[in-house]
Each structure stands twice: as C-alpha cells, then as structure tokens.
Amino acid sequence: MGNIVIIGSEGTIGQAVRNTLKDHFQIRIDKSFKEEIFEGNQAIQLSYDITSETELDKVYEVIKEKNLSIDGVIYLAGVNYMRNFFTSTADSWQETFDINLFGIVKFLKRVYNLFSDKVSVVCVASQNGIVGHEDRVDYGPSKAAIIQLVKNLTVDFATYSNKDFKINCVSPTYVITEENKVYFESFPGVKLVNRIPYKKLVTPIEVANAIEFLMSEKSDGIRGQNIVIDYGYTVV
C-alpha cells in the first residue's frame, strides 16, 4: 500500500477513484471540502487550490509535516466550459489552462522532493484533446496539451531524474453521471451518444479502472501514453 495524492477528489470520477484505490492511503485535495484540513484513518482531506502558489505551499507543508512520501498522483482537477471562438475571452482561456494544465505542472514541481523513488502519475485528459468539438475551443486545446505534457515529462524524467517516474493520461468520452443522465436521454443528448460507434457512455468506474491499471506495477512498461476510453468515439 502506498500514499497517493488525488487532486479533484470530490468529483464523480474522483469518488470512483477513491473507492477503487481504497487500499492506498489517500491525500485528497479539493476546494469543495468545508474544513481546511481533516485527517481520518486512511486519508487526509485538504481544502486548497493548487493553482495558487500560497495554497500549494500549504499542501507541501502538510504532507511534509506528516512525514509522508508520495508514491502516486492522480490529477482530476478541471473545468469544462461551453465556449466557442466568439464567446471565449483571454481570461477564460487563461483560467482553463491554469486549472486543466498548469495545475499539475505546479504541483509536481513544488512537491518533487517528497516523491518516493518510484512514482506513478495519471492525468485525466479528454476525447476533446484528440478530436474537435463544438463549444470546446479552450477546453480541447488544454486537454491536448495534457496529452503532450505526459510525453515530454516522460522524456524529461527519464533524462534528468534519479527517480523512476511513470506518467500517463486517460481520455474518456462523455461520462454518465446521476446529474447528466436526464440530459443524455434528451434529444440533444441522444445526438451526442449517437456519435459513439457503440452508442454507449463511459461510466466513472470504467475510468477509475483504467487509472488503477496505470497506477499499478502491471503497467510499468507504459510511459507517456494516452489511454482512450471512448467506445470508439475518436476512431471515426
């Protein structure tokens, strides 16, 4: 059992990841927590915004104070606003990239000296980082950047780090949740589902299962890759 950091732990995928990796000690980071710091038997919950350098320093200090080494990181934080060329602004682009991309870079750099000798990192990208989509003009490029980031970090860690860093990402199609179930039963929602060759939506547990595999030793030979979970959406 290792110590894993789950950033964005309280979203739908985050909760599935928490359950799937329940045998690990979890450092959960999510702005939605009501208490700044809460410690349980198998987890610490931290209510911090890792895009803020000040709050990221607090995350670092908590982990260091608890004398915890980090064996894995799962980056789930992200925003997905429906914007197009005409409705997006410079500020909206900056916000999307700050959260979807720069957050994981800042985190890895800040806590680097707390990592174990062998580390697994998984980021959540998206099918929108692979193919185009209406109203995702800033979201899609931010996820494409994540896919490219894990490739470059793989080369950098192999070249310059004395730690065994394994970093990959997963790209889900539309993920079905209790909150969006009604939408996907509506006319516009069915149109989106019909784009998928198998006419199926991905479940949170399917994403969590892929993440669990990439976090495990069973995937040690997989480096800098993007695992697509989309029932064929991006192949047509």
Protein backbone atom coordinates (compact mmCIF):
# COMPACT_ATOMS: atom_id res chain seq x y z
CA MET A 1 0.00 0.00 0.00
CA GLY A 2 1.35 3.40 -0.98
CA ASN A 3 0.46 7.03 -0.43
CA ILE A 4 -1.41 8.62 -3.32
CA VAL A 5 -2.49 12.20 -3.92
CA ILE A 6 -5.88 12.65 -5.59
CA ILE A 7 -6.35 16.21 -6.87
CA GLY A 8 -10.00 16.93 -7.57
CA SER A 9 -11.07 14.00 -5.40
CA GLU A 10 -14.69 15.04 -4.88
CA GLY A 11 -15.92 14.98 -8.47
CA THR A 12 -17.77 11.99 -9.90
CA ILE A 13 -14.63 10.37 -11.29
CA GLY A 14 -12.75 11.32 -8.14
CA GLN A 15 -15.19 9.44 -5.94
CA ALA A 16 -14.92 6.37 -8.16
CA VAL A 17 -11.12 6.59 -7.97
CA ARG A 18 -11.25 6.90 -4.19
CA ASN A 19 -13.30 3.69 -3.95
CA THR A 20 -11.22 1.79 -6.49
CA LEU A 21 -7.94 2.68 -4.76
CA LYS A 22 -9.27 2.40 -1.21
CA ASP A 23 -6.35 0.19 -0.15
CA HIS A 24 -3.98 3.14 -0.51
CA PHE A 25 -3.54 5.97 1.97
CA GLN A 26 -5.07 8.94 0.19
CA ILE A 27 -4.16 12.61 0.33
CA ARG A 28 -7.31 14.15 -1.13
CA ILE A 29 -7.14 17.73 -2.38
CA ASP A 30 -10.33 19.51 -3.38
CA LYS A 31 -11.54 23.07 -2.94
CA SER A 32 -15.03 21.83 -2.04
CA PHE A 33 -14.03 20.46 1.36
CA LYS A 34 -15.57 22.54 4.16
CA GLU A 35 -12.65 22.03 6.56
CA GLU A 36 -9.19 23.23 5.57
CA ILE A 37 -7.58 20.05 6.94
CA PHE A 38 -9.32 16.86 8.05
CA GLU A 39 -7.46 13.68 8.93
CA GLY A 40 -9.02 10.21 9.05
CA ASN A 41 -7.62 6.71 9.34
CA GLN A 42 -6.95 6.16 5.66
CA ALA A 43 -7.00 9.69 4.27
CA ILE A 44 -6.17 13.34 4.75
CA GLN A 45 -8.52 15.84 3.15
CA LEU A 46 -7.13 19.25 2.20
CA SER A 47 -9.28 22.15 1.02
CA TYR A 48 -6.74 24.00 -1.12
CA ASP A 49 -6.48 25.44 -4.62
CA ILE A 50 -3.26 24.09 -6.08
CA THR A 51 -3.22 26.73 -8.81
CA SER A 52 -2.45 29.21 -6.00
CA GLU A 53 1.23 29.19 -5.05
CA THR A 54 0.37 30.22 -1.48
CA GLU A 55 -2.09 27.37 -1.04
CA LEU A 56 0.22 24.93 -2.81
CA ASP A 57 2.86 25.81 -0.22
CA LYS A 58 0.35 24.82 2.48
CA VAL A 59 -0.22 21.47 0.77
CA TYR A 60 3.51 20.90 0.73
CA GLU A 61 3.89 21.75 4.41
CA VAL A 62 1.06 19.43 5.48
CA ILE A 63 2.48 16.46 3.58
CA LYS A 64 5.99 17.17 4.82
CA GLU A 65 4.84 17.64 8.42
CA LYS A 66 3.05 14.27 8.31
CA ASN A 67 6.30 12.73 7.08
CA LEU A 68 4.54 11.20 4.09
CA SER A 69 6.32 10.22 0.89
CA ILE A 70 4.24 10.38 -2.28
CA ASP A 71 4.01 7.20 -4.34
CA GLY A 72 1.38 8.34 -6.81
CA VAL A 73 -0.60 11.32 -8.09
CA ILE A 74 -3.95 11.34 -9.88
CA TYR A 75 -4.83 14.70 -11.43
CA LEU A 76 -8.58 15.07 -11.91
CA ALA A 77 -8.98 18.82 -11.47
CA GLY A 78 -10.50 20.57 -14.46
CA VAL A 79 -13.07 22.95 -15.84
CA ASN A 80 -15.13 22.35 -18.97
CA TYR A 81 -16.97 25.48 -20.01
CA MET A 82 -19.01 25.53 -23.21
CA ARG A 83 -17.21 28.26 -25.13
CA ASN A 84 -16.53 28.85 -28.78
CA PHE A 85 -14.34 31.25 -30.73
CA PHE A 86 -16.89 34.05 -30.41
CA THR A 87 -17.76 33.64 -26.72
CA SER A 88 -14.31 32.89 -25.28
CA THR A 89 -12.06 35.59 -23.85
CA ALA A 90 -8.39 35.84 -22.97
CA ASP A 91 -9.34 35.45 -19.30
CA SER A 92 -11.41 32.32 -19.97
CA TRP A 93 -8.52 30.75 -21.88
CA GLN A 94 -6.15 31.56 -19.03
CA GLU A 95 -8.48 30.10 -16.40
CA THR A 96 -8.96 26.87 -18.36
CA PHE A 97 -5.24 26.35 -18.88
CA ASP A 98 -4.39 27.34 -15.28
CA ILE A 99 -6.64 24.59 -13.93
CA ASN A 100 -6.53 21.91 -16.61
CA LEU A 101 -2.81 22.06 -17.40
CA PHE A 102 -0.63 24.30 -15.27
CA GLY A 103 -2.03 22.92 -12.00
CA ILE A 104 -0.36 19.54 -12.39
CA VAL A 105 2.93 21.11 -13.52
CA LYS A 106 2.97 23.42 -10.49
CA PHE A 107 2.13 20.55 -8.15
CA LEU A 108 4.82 18.21 -9.47
CA LYS A 109 7.47 20.91 -9.28
CA ARG A 110 6.50 22.03 -5.76
CA VAL A 111 6.39 18.60 -4.12
CA TYR A 112 9.11 16.89 -6.16
CA ASN A 113 11.39 16.28 -3.20
CA LEU A 114 8.55 14.48 -1.36
CA PHE A 115 8.23 11.80 -4.05
CA SER A 116 9.30 8.21 -3.43
CA ASP A 117 11.95 6.60 -5.60
CA LYS A 118 9.20 5.04 -7.72
CA VAL A 119 6.18 7.17 -8.66
CA SER A 120 3.06 6.71 -10.79
CA VAL A 121 1.20 9.75 -12.13
CA VAL A 122 -2.05 9.72 -14.09
CA CYS A 123 -3.75 12.82 -15.53
CA VAL A 124 -7.26 12.93 -16.95
CA ALA A 125 -7.34 14.38 -20.45
CA SER A 126 -10.35 14.00 -22.77
CA GLN A 127 -11.56 12.85 -26.16
CA ASN A 128 -11.76 16.60 -26.87
CA GLY A 129 -7.98 16.68 -26.74
CA ILE A 130 -7.90 14.28 -29.68
CA VAL A 131 -10.76 15.37 -31.96
CA GLY A 132 -12.59 18.65 -32.48
CA HIS A 133 -15.91 19.50 -30.86
CA GLU A 134 -18.22 22.48 -30.94
CA ASP A 135 -18.16 24.84 -27.94
CA ARG A 136 -14.89 23.47 -26.55
CA VAL A 137 -12.49 25.98 -28.04
CA ASP A 138 -10.34 26.39 -24.91
CA TYR A 139 -11.11 23.07 -23.21
CA GLY A 140 -9.99 20.91 -26.14
CA PRO A 141 -6.57 22.54 -26.52
CA SER A 142 -5.99 22.35 -22.75
CA LYS A 143 -6.61 18.59 -22.84
CA ALA A 144 -4.48 18.16 -25.95
CA ALA A 145 -1.73 19.91 -24.01
CA ILE A 146 -2.10 17.37 -21.17
CA ILE A 147 -1.63 14.54 -23.68
CA GLN A 148 1.53 16.17 -24.99
CA LEU A 149 2.71 17.09 -21.49
CA VAL A 150 2.90 13.48 -20.32
CA LYS A 151 5.05 12.66 -23.34
CA ASN A 152 7.50 15.45 -22.63
CA LEU A 153 7.60 14.79 -18.89
CA THR A 154 8.33 11.12 -19.60
CA VAL A 155 11.40 12.13 -21.58
CA ASP A 156 12.47 14.76 -19.02
CA PHE A 157 12.14 12.39 -16.06
CA ALA A 158 14.00 9.63 -17.92
CA THR A 159 16.77 12.05 -18.81
CA TYR A 160 17.18 14.18 -15.70
CA SER A 161 15.54 12.46 -12.71
CA ASN A 162 17.06 9.85 -10.40
CA LYS A 163 13.52 8.65 -9.60
CA ASP A 164 11.53 6.10 -11.58
CA PHE A 165 8.68 8.31 -12.79
CA LYS A 166 5.82 6.76 -14.73
CA ILE A 167 3.36 9.33 -16.08
CA ASN A 168 0.41 8.71 -18.40
CA CYS A 169 -3.07 10.06 -19.05
CA VAL A 170 -6.55 8.78 -19.84
CA SER A 171 -9.02 10.33 -22.25
CA PRO A 172 -12.68 9.48 -21.60
CA THR A 173 -15.63 10.16 -23.83
CA TYR A 174 -18.81 11.57 -22.26
CA VAL A 175 -19.08 10.21 -18.71
CA ILE A 176 -22.54 9.31 -17.48
CA THR A 177 -23.49 10.57 -14.00
CA GLU A 178 -26.67 10.93 -11.98
CA GLU A 179 -26.57 14.66 -12.71
CA ASN A 180 -26.42 14.37 -16.52
CA LYS A 181 -28.47 11.20 -17.01
CA VAL A 182 -31.61 13.13 -17.95
CA TYR A 183 -29.69 15.25 -20.46
CA PHE A 184 -28.36 12.18 -22.27
CA GLU A 185 -31.91 10.90 -22.57
CA SER A 186 -32.98 14.15 -24.25
CA PHE A 187 -32.85 14.86 -27.99
CA PRO A 188 -29.51 16.77 -27.95
CA GLY A 189 -28.02 14.23 -25.55
CA VAL A 190 -29.03 11.29 -27.72
CA LYS A 191 -27.41 13.06 -30.71
CA LEU A 192 -24.12 13.10 -28.80
CA VAL A 193 -24.42 9.43 -27.83
CA ASN A 194 -25.13 8.54 -31.46
CA ARG A 195 -21.70 9.90 -32.40
CA ILE A 196 -20.19 6.97 -30.48
CA PRO A 197 -19.90 3.78 -32.59
CA TYR A 198 -21.07 1.55 -29.71
CA LYS A 199 -23.73 4.05 -28.59
CA LYS A 200 -22.53 3.75 -25.01
CA LEU A 201 -21.39 6.30 -22.45
CA VAL A 202 -18.41 5.69 -20.21
CA THR A 203 -19.10 5.17 -16.50
CA PRO A 204 -16.94 6.68 -13.73
CA ILE A 205 -15.87 3.20 -12.65
CA GLU A 206 -14.59 2.42 -16.16
CA VAL A 207 -12.37 5.49 -15.97
CA ALA A 208 -11.28 4.58 -12.43
CA ASN A 209 -10.40 1.04 -13.53
CA ALA A 210 -8.11 2.37 -16.25
CA ILE A 211 -6.49 4.74 -13.77
CA GLU A 212 -5.99 1.88 -11.30
CA PHE A 213 -4.20 -0.11 -14.01
CA LEU A 214 -1.91 2.80 -14.88
CA MET A 215 -1.13 3.35 -11.20
CA SER A 216 -0.20 -0.30 -10.70
CA GLU A 217 3.01 -2.19 -11.47
CA LYS A 218 1.12 -4.07 -14.19
CA SER A 219 1.55 -1.00 -16.42
CA ASP A 220 5.25 -0.35 -15.68
CA GLY A 221 6.18 -0.54 -19.36
CA ILE A 222 3.60 2.08 -20.35
CA ARG A 223 5.17 5.53 -20.30
CA GLY A 224 3.97 8.85 -21.71
CA GLN A 225 0.85 7.30 -23.21
CA ASN A 226 -2.76 8.38 -23.56
CA ILE A 227 -5.28 5.60 -22.91
CA VAL A 228 -8.54 6.43 -24.68
CA ILE A 229 -11.78 5.22 -23.04
CA ASP A 230 -14.44 6.15 -25.56
CA TYR A 231 -16.28 3.14 -27.04
CA GLY A 232 -14.77 4.15 -30.38
CA TYR A 233 -15.67 7.87 -30.45
CA THR A 234 -12.24 9.03 -31.64
CA VAL A 235 -11.67 6.33 -34.28
CA VAL A 236 -14.36 7.51 -36.73
